[in-house]
Amino acid sequence: MSIRLGSKLTTNLPLAEYLKKATGHFRAIELPTDPKHLSPFFTYTSSQKSAIRIYQKLFQFHLSMHAPFVDCRLGAINPEERQLAIIKILNAMQLASNMEIELLTFHPCTLEPSAPDKYADNCCFEEDSIAYLLKEAKKLGVVLLMENMPQLPAYHPSTCNCSRFQELLWLFPEPQFGITLDIGHALQANVPLDSFLLLERVRNFHIHENNRVTDCHQPIVTNLTWWRKLTASLAKKYPDAVLIFEMDQLTDQIKSQQLIKYPSSKNRRVQFLNVNLEELAKLSQEFLD
């Protein structure tokens, strides 16, 4: 199997329109669950979930999911805040399982707002939370993938380089735990990619450009030779992984994919379903039974 190039579901297009365009260019789609990335076009209604499953069966693309991350601190010192974060991740895990989605990306805990020096305590509580979630992940058939973060005041430096992730890979050797490597975050944090590419169990990639200062998720339009070499290296080292173009506009995702010109990303000639969500919902029983 070759690495699958994918799209982050965008919220500025009606779902059927997005699916028609995305399935013509990508072999994978990552679904958001954080409220800030949902919209009237996509809120996980039954008809919307049916539409996604129908298109998935017709065009054979891979689905992954991103867990909530706003106010979702698995390592919070406050037990009520920590429990709320666990519930949010559990709900996302159950949703992923119901939609037969295996890979679920989540963010590491931010620093304690009022006590950033308590990071060691945050790590201990986070590890307890992850251990509990992994027991549930095994039951649900879900793999939890922690994502490296950009260099921001809210995050400890160990979540920007690979040190925290290596600790967790040692602590949780089971296959239900792995890594999502965000290339854009690593570039913004000025972290050598070689250190990340030594990690095992990298199942998912996010790629996007930035100005090396802010995490702005820009399209890839410069340094194309470097990006082409990188994606070729990733495809060779992680042939079973998913590589998601993580920009907010589908046009930017498609443009970036075409400029990189990854060999297996040739546009496929497909016939799109000229139906709306209501018609897709009527078709769901036939395809989902």
Protein backbone atom coordinates (compact mmCIF):
# COMPACT_ATOMS: atom_id res chain seq x y z
CA MET A 1 0.00 0.00 0.00
CA SER A 2 1.28 3.49 -0.85
CA ILE A 3 0.89 6.50 1.40
CA ARG A 4 -2.56 8.05 1.04
CA LEU A 5 -2.86 11.77 0.36
CA GLY A 6 -5.85 13.35 2.05
CA SER A 7 -7.91 16.45 2.73
CA LYS A 8 -9.02 18.00 5.99
CA LEU A 9 -12.77 18.46 5.68
CA THR A 10 -13.46 22.17 5.16
CA THR A 11 -16.44 23.99 6.62
CA ASN A 12 -17.06 26.59 3.92
CA LEU A 13 -18.72 24.24 1.42
CA PRO A 14 -21.92 22.19 1.56
CA LEU A 15 -20.96 18.62 2.40
CA ALA A 16 -22.05 17.08 -0.92
CA GLU A 17 -20.12 19.72 -2.89
CA TYR A 18 -17.02 19.17 -0.75
CA LEU A 19 -17.19 15.39 -1.16
CA LYS A 20 -17.61 15.61 -4.94
CA LYS A 21 -14.50 17.77 -5.27
CA ALA A 22 -12.35 16.11 -2.61
CA THR A 23 -12.87 12.55 -3.80
CA GLY A 24 -11.60 13.54 -7.24
CA HIS A 25 -8.20 14.51 -5.83
CA PHE A 26 -7.60 12.68 -2.55
CA ARG A 27 -7.65 9.16 -1.17
CA ALA A 28 -8.33 10.16 2.44
CA ILE A 29 -10.39 12.67 4.43
CA GLU A 30 -9.89 13.79 8.02
CA LEU A 31 -13.05 14.76 9.89
CA PRO A 32 -13.02 17.42 12.64
CA THR A 33 -14.91 17.10 15.92
CA ASP A 34 -13.95 20.31 17.68
CA PRO A 35 -16.87 22.79 17.63
CA LYS A 36 -14.64 25.54 16.22
CA HIS A 37 -14.23 23.47 13.04
CA LEU A 38 -17.87 22.50 12.61
CA SER A 39 -20.42 24.52 10.66
CA PRO A 40 -24.06 24.41 9.51
CA PHE A 41 -22.74 22.35 6.59
CA PHE A 42 -21.36 19.63 8.88
CA THR A 43 -22.56 18.78 12.38
CA TYR A 44 -22.64 14.95 12.22
CA THR A 45 -26.35 14.65 11.50
CA SER A 46 -27.52 11.20 10.45
CA SER A 47 -27.88 12.27 6.80
CA GLN A 48 -24.38 13.80 6.80
CA LYS A 49 -22.83 10.67 8.28
CA SER A 50 -24.71 8.57 5.72
CA ALA A 51 -23.45 10.79 2.90
CA ILE A 52 -19.85 10.32 4.01
CA ARG A 53 -20.23 6.56 4.28
CA ILE A 54 -21.83 6.35 0.82
CA TYR A 55 -19.05 8.35 -0.81
CA GLN A 56 -16.48 6.31 1.10
CA LYS A 57 -17.88 3.07 -0.25
CA LEU A 58 -18.20 4.42 -3.80
CA PHE A 59 -14.75 6.00 -4.02
CA GLN A 60 -12.87 3.81 -1.51
CA PHE A 61 -11.21 6.61 0.45
CA HIS A 62 -9.77 6.38 3.96
CA LEU A 63 -11.34 8.24 6.90
CA SER A 64 -9.53 9.57 9.96
CA MET A 65 -10.70 11.94 12.68
CA HIS A 66 -9.34 14.79 14.80
CA ALA A 67 -10.48 14.90 18.43
CA PRO A 68 -11.65 18.10 20.18
CA PHE A 69 -8.82 20.25 21.49
CA VAL A 70 -10.25 23.57 22.74
CA ASP A 71 -10.54 23.39 26.55
CA CYS A 72 -9.59 19.72 26.38
CA ARG A 73 -6.69 19.21 28.81
CA LEU A 74 -6.14 15.54 29.66
CA GLY A 75 -3.38 16.53 32.10
CA ALA A 76 -5.19 19.32 33.94
CA ILE A 77 -4.48 19.46 37.65
CA ASN A 78 -8.13 20.20 38.39
CA PRO A 79 -9.85 16.77 38.41
CA GLU A 80 -13.16 18.12 37.08
CA GLU A 81 -11.43 19.78 34.13
CA ARG A 82 -9.49 16.59 33.49
CA GLN A 83 -12.63 14.45 33.61
CA LEU A 84 -14.40 16.77 31.17
CA ALA A 85 -11.49 16.37 28.73
CA ILE A 86 -11.65 12.58 29.08
CA ILE A 87 -15.37 12.65 28.30
CA LYS A 88 -14.77 14.78 25.19
CA ILE A 89 -12.14 12.36 23.88
CA LEU A 90 -14.29 9.35 24.77
CA ASN A 91 -17.22 10.81 22.83
CA ALA A 92 -14.96 11.34 19.81
CA MET A 93 -13.66 7.77 20.13
CA GLN A 94 -17.19 6.39 20.20
CA LEU A 95 -18.16 8.50 17.18
CA ALA A 96 -15.07 7.27 15.31
CA SER A 97 -15.87 3.67 16.18
CA ASN A 98 -19.49 4.05 15.03
CA MET A 99 -18.25 5.40 11.70
CA GLU A 100 -15.62 2.62 11.45
CA ILE A 101 -12.78 5.16 11.69
CA GLU A 102 -9.55 3.80 13.16
CA LEU A 103 -7.21 6.81 13.53
CA LEU A 104 -8.07 9.58 16.01
CA THR A 105 -5.60 12.45 16.49
CA PHE A 106 -5.52 14.42 19.74
CA HIS A 107 -3.42 17.26 21.16
CA PRO A 108 -1.11 17.08 24.20
CA CYS A 109 -2.03 19.01 27.33
CA THR A 110 -1.25 22.72 27.46
CA LEU A 111 0.63 24.23 30.39
CA GLU A 112 -1.29 25.00 33.57
CA PRO A 113 -2.51 28.59 33.02
CA SER A 114 -1.88 29.70 36.58
CA ALA A 115 1.10 27.44 37.30
CA PRO A 116 3.26 26.66 34.25
CA ASP A 117 5.95 25.24 36.56
CA LYS A 118 3.59 22.30 37.32
CA TYR A 119 4.25 20.67 33.96
CA ALA A 120 5.58 17.49 35.56
CA ASP A 121 2.23 17.12 37.33
CA ASN A 122 0.42 17.77 34.04
CA CYS A 123 2.43 14.94 32.45
CA CYS A 124 1.56 12.48 35.22
CA PHE A 125 -2.15 13.26 35.05
CA GLU A 126 -2.06 13.14 31.25
CA GLU A 127 -0.46 9.70 31.33
CA ASP A 128 -3.19 8.45 33.67
CA SER A 129 -5.83 9.83 31.30
CA ILE A 130 -4.19 8.26 28.25
CA ALA A 131 -3.88 4.89 30.02
CA TYR A 132 -7.62 4.92 30.72
CA LEU A 133 -8.48 6.01 27.18
CA LEU A 134 -6.29 3.30 25.65
CA LYS A 135 -8.27 0.62 27.49
CA GLU A 136 -11.41 2.01 25.89
CA ALA A 137 -9.67 2.41 22.52
CA LYS A 138 -8.87 -1.30 22.49
CA LYS A 139 -12.56 -2.11 22.97
CA LEU A 140 -13.65 0.36 20.29
CA GLY A 141 -11.01 -0.51 17.68
CA VAL A 142 -9.58 3.02 17.69
CA VAL A 143 -5.93 4.12 17.59
CA LEU A 144 -5.06 7.31 19.51
CA LEU A 145 -2.42 9.50 17.85
CA MET A 146 -0.81 12.40 19.74
CA GLU A 147 0.15 15.39 17.58
CA ASN A 148 3.30 17.52 17.94
CA MET A 149 2.54 21.19 18.54
CA PRO A 150 3.93 24.53 17.30
CA GLN A 151 6.13 26.75 19.44
CA LEU A 152 3.48 28.62 21.43
CA PRO A 153 3.42 29.96 25.02
CA ALA A 154 0.58 27.59 25.92
CA TYR A 155 2.66 24.48 25.19
CA HIS A 156 5.75 23.04 26.82
CA PRO A 157 8.79 22.76 24.50
CA SER A 158 8.73 18.98 24.90
CA THR A 159 5.50 18.92 22.87
CA CYS A 160 7.24 20.82 20.05
CA ASN A 161 10.22 18.47 19.73
CA CYS A 162 10.07 14.70 19.94
CA SER A 163 11.06 14.22 23.60
CA ARG A 164 7.57 13.98 25.10
CA PHE A 165 6.39 11.67 22.33
CA GLN A 166 9.30 9.30 22.74
CA GLU A 167 8.53 9.06 26.46
CA LEU A 168 4.91 8.17 25.71
CA LEU A 169 5.85 5.62 23.06
CA TRP A 170 8.01 3.87 25.66
CA LEU A 171 5.30 4.13 28.29
CA PHE A 172 2.51 2.90 25.99
CA PRO A 173 3.95 0.20 23.69
CA GLU A 174 0.53 -1.09 22.64
CA PRO A 175 -0.58 -0.55 19.04
CA GLN A 176 -3.53 1.60 20.18
CA PHE A 177 -1.12 4.51 20.74
CA GLY A 178 0.88 6.31 18.06
CA ILE A 179 1.90 9.67 16.61
CA THR A 180 0.49 12.23 14.19
CA LEU A 181 3.43 14.21 12.84
CA ASP A 182 2.48 17.75 11.86
CA ILE A 183 5.18 18.96 9.46
CA GLY A 184 3.95 22.56 9.57
CA HIS A 185 4.16 22.62 13.37
CA ALA A 186 7.70 21.24 13.28
CA LEU A 187 8.77 23.86 10.75
CA GLN A 188 7.24 26.69 12.79
CA ALA A 189 9.04 25.41 15.91
CA ASN A 190 12.34 25.12 13.99
CA VAL A 191 12.67 21.48 15.00
CA PRO A 192 14.83 19.30 12.70
CA LEU A 193 12.54 16.81 11.01
CA ASP A 194 15.18 14.09 11.32
CA SER A 195 14.43 13.89 15.05
CA PHE A 196 10.76 13.20 14.37
CA LEU A 197 11.38 10.73 11.57
CA LEU A 198 13.18 8.47 14.02
CA LEU A 199 9.90 7.92 15.89
CA GLU A 200 8.06 4.65 15.54
CA ARG A 201 4.30 4.30 15.10
CA VAL A 202 3.82 7.46 13.05
CA ARG A 203 0.46 6.73 11.40
CA ASN A 204 -0.67 10.15 10.26
CA PHE A 205 0.87 13.35 8.84
CA HIS A 206 -0.42 16.90 8.59
CA ILE A 207 1.28 19.14 6.07
CA HIS A 208 0.97 22.88 5.54
CA GLU A 209 3.26 25.89 5.24
CA ASN A 210 3.82 28.85 7.54
CA ASN A 211 6.09 31.86 7.98
CA ARG A 212 8.13 30.07 10.70
CA VAL A 213 6.63 32.45 13.26
CA THR A 214 2.92 31.72 13.42
CA ASP A 215 0.89 28.57 12.89
CA CYS A 216 -1.03 29.95 9.91
CA HIS A 217 -1.66 26.75 7.86
CA GLN A 218 -0.74 28.27 4.51
CA PRO A 219 -0.84 26.43 1.17
CA ILE A 220 2.40 24.96 -0.17
CA VAL A 221 3.52 27.14 -3.07
CA THR A 222 7.27 27.61 -2.40
CA ASN A 223 10.25 25.32 -1.67
CA LEU A 224 8.57 22.76 -3.89
CA THR A 225 11.70 20.71 -4.49
CA TRP A 226 12.15 20.30 -0.74
CA TRP A 227 8.50 19.37 -0.25
CA ARG A 228 8.62 16.83 -3.10
CA LYS A 229 11.70 15.18 -1.61
CA LEU A 230 10.09 15.13 1.82
CA THR A 231 6.82 13.55 0.66
CA ALA A 232 8.77 10.96 -1.32
CA SER A 233 10.80 10.13 1.81
CA LEU A 234 7.66 9.86 3.92
CA ALA A 235 6.05 7.57 1.36
CA LYS A 236 9.08 5.29 1.45
CA LYS A 237 9.47 5.20 5.24
CA TYR A 238 5.74 5.17 6.14
CA PRO A 239 3.95 3.51 3.20
CA ASP A 240 0.82 2.74 5.26
CA ALA A 241 0.40 6.26 6.65
CA VAL A 242 -2.10 8.97 5.78
CA LEU A 243 -0.88 12.43 4.74
CA ILE A 244 -3.46 15.18 5.23
CA PHE A 245 -3.27 18.60 3.55
CA GLU A 246 -4.36 20.69 6.52
CA MET A 247 -5.44 24.02 5.03
CA ASP A 248 -8.82 25.66 5.63
CA GLN A 249 -9.74 25.96 1.93
CA LEU A 250 -10.16 22.94 -0.33
CA THR A 251 -8.78 24.96 -3.26
CA ASP A 252 -5.54 25.48 -1.28
CA GLN A 253 -5.33 21.78 -0.51
CA ILE A 254 -5.79 20.81 -4.16
CA LYS A 255 -3.34 23.46 -5.36
CA SER A 256 -0.71 22.28 -2.87
CA GLN A 257 -1.18 18.66 -3.83
CA GLN A 258 -0.85 19.43 -7.54
CA LEU A 259 2.27 21.58 -7.05
CA ILE A 260 4.02 18.89 -5.04
CA LYS A 261 3.17 16.42 -7.82
CA TYR A 262 3.50 13.34 -5.69
CA PRO A 263 3.60 10.36 -8.12
CA SER A 264 0.53 8.55 -6.80
CA SER A 265 -1.58 11.68 -6.50
CA LYS A 266 -2.63 11.81 -10.18
CA ASN A 267 -6.13 13.16 -10.51
CA ARG A 268 -8.56 10.33 -10.91
CA ARG A 269 -11.31 10.54 -13.51
CA VAL A 270 -14.47 9.80 -11.57
CA GLN A 271 -18.14 10.28 -12.16
CA PHE A 272 -19.63 12.26 -9.27
CA LEU A 273 -23.07 11.64 -7.89
CA ASN A 274 -25.31 14.52 -8.88
CA VAL A 275 -27.49 14.20 -5.80
CA ASN A 276 -28.20 16.23 -2.71
CA LEU A 277 -27.97 15.13 0.93
CA GLU A 278 -31.62 14.09 1.05
CA GLU A 279 -31.13 11.77 -1.92
CA LEU A 280 -27.91 10.45 -0.38
CA ALA A 281 -29.77 9.67 2.83
CA LYS A 282 -32.30 7.62 0.84
CA LEU A 283 -29.45 5.65 -0.70
CA SER A 284 -27.77 5.02 2.64
CA GLN A 285 -29.67 1.83 3.51
CA GLU A 286 -28.54 0.10 0.33
CA PHE A 287 -24.87 0.91 0.87
CA LEU A 288 -24.64 0.68 4.66
CA ASP A 289 -26.48 -2.59 5.24
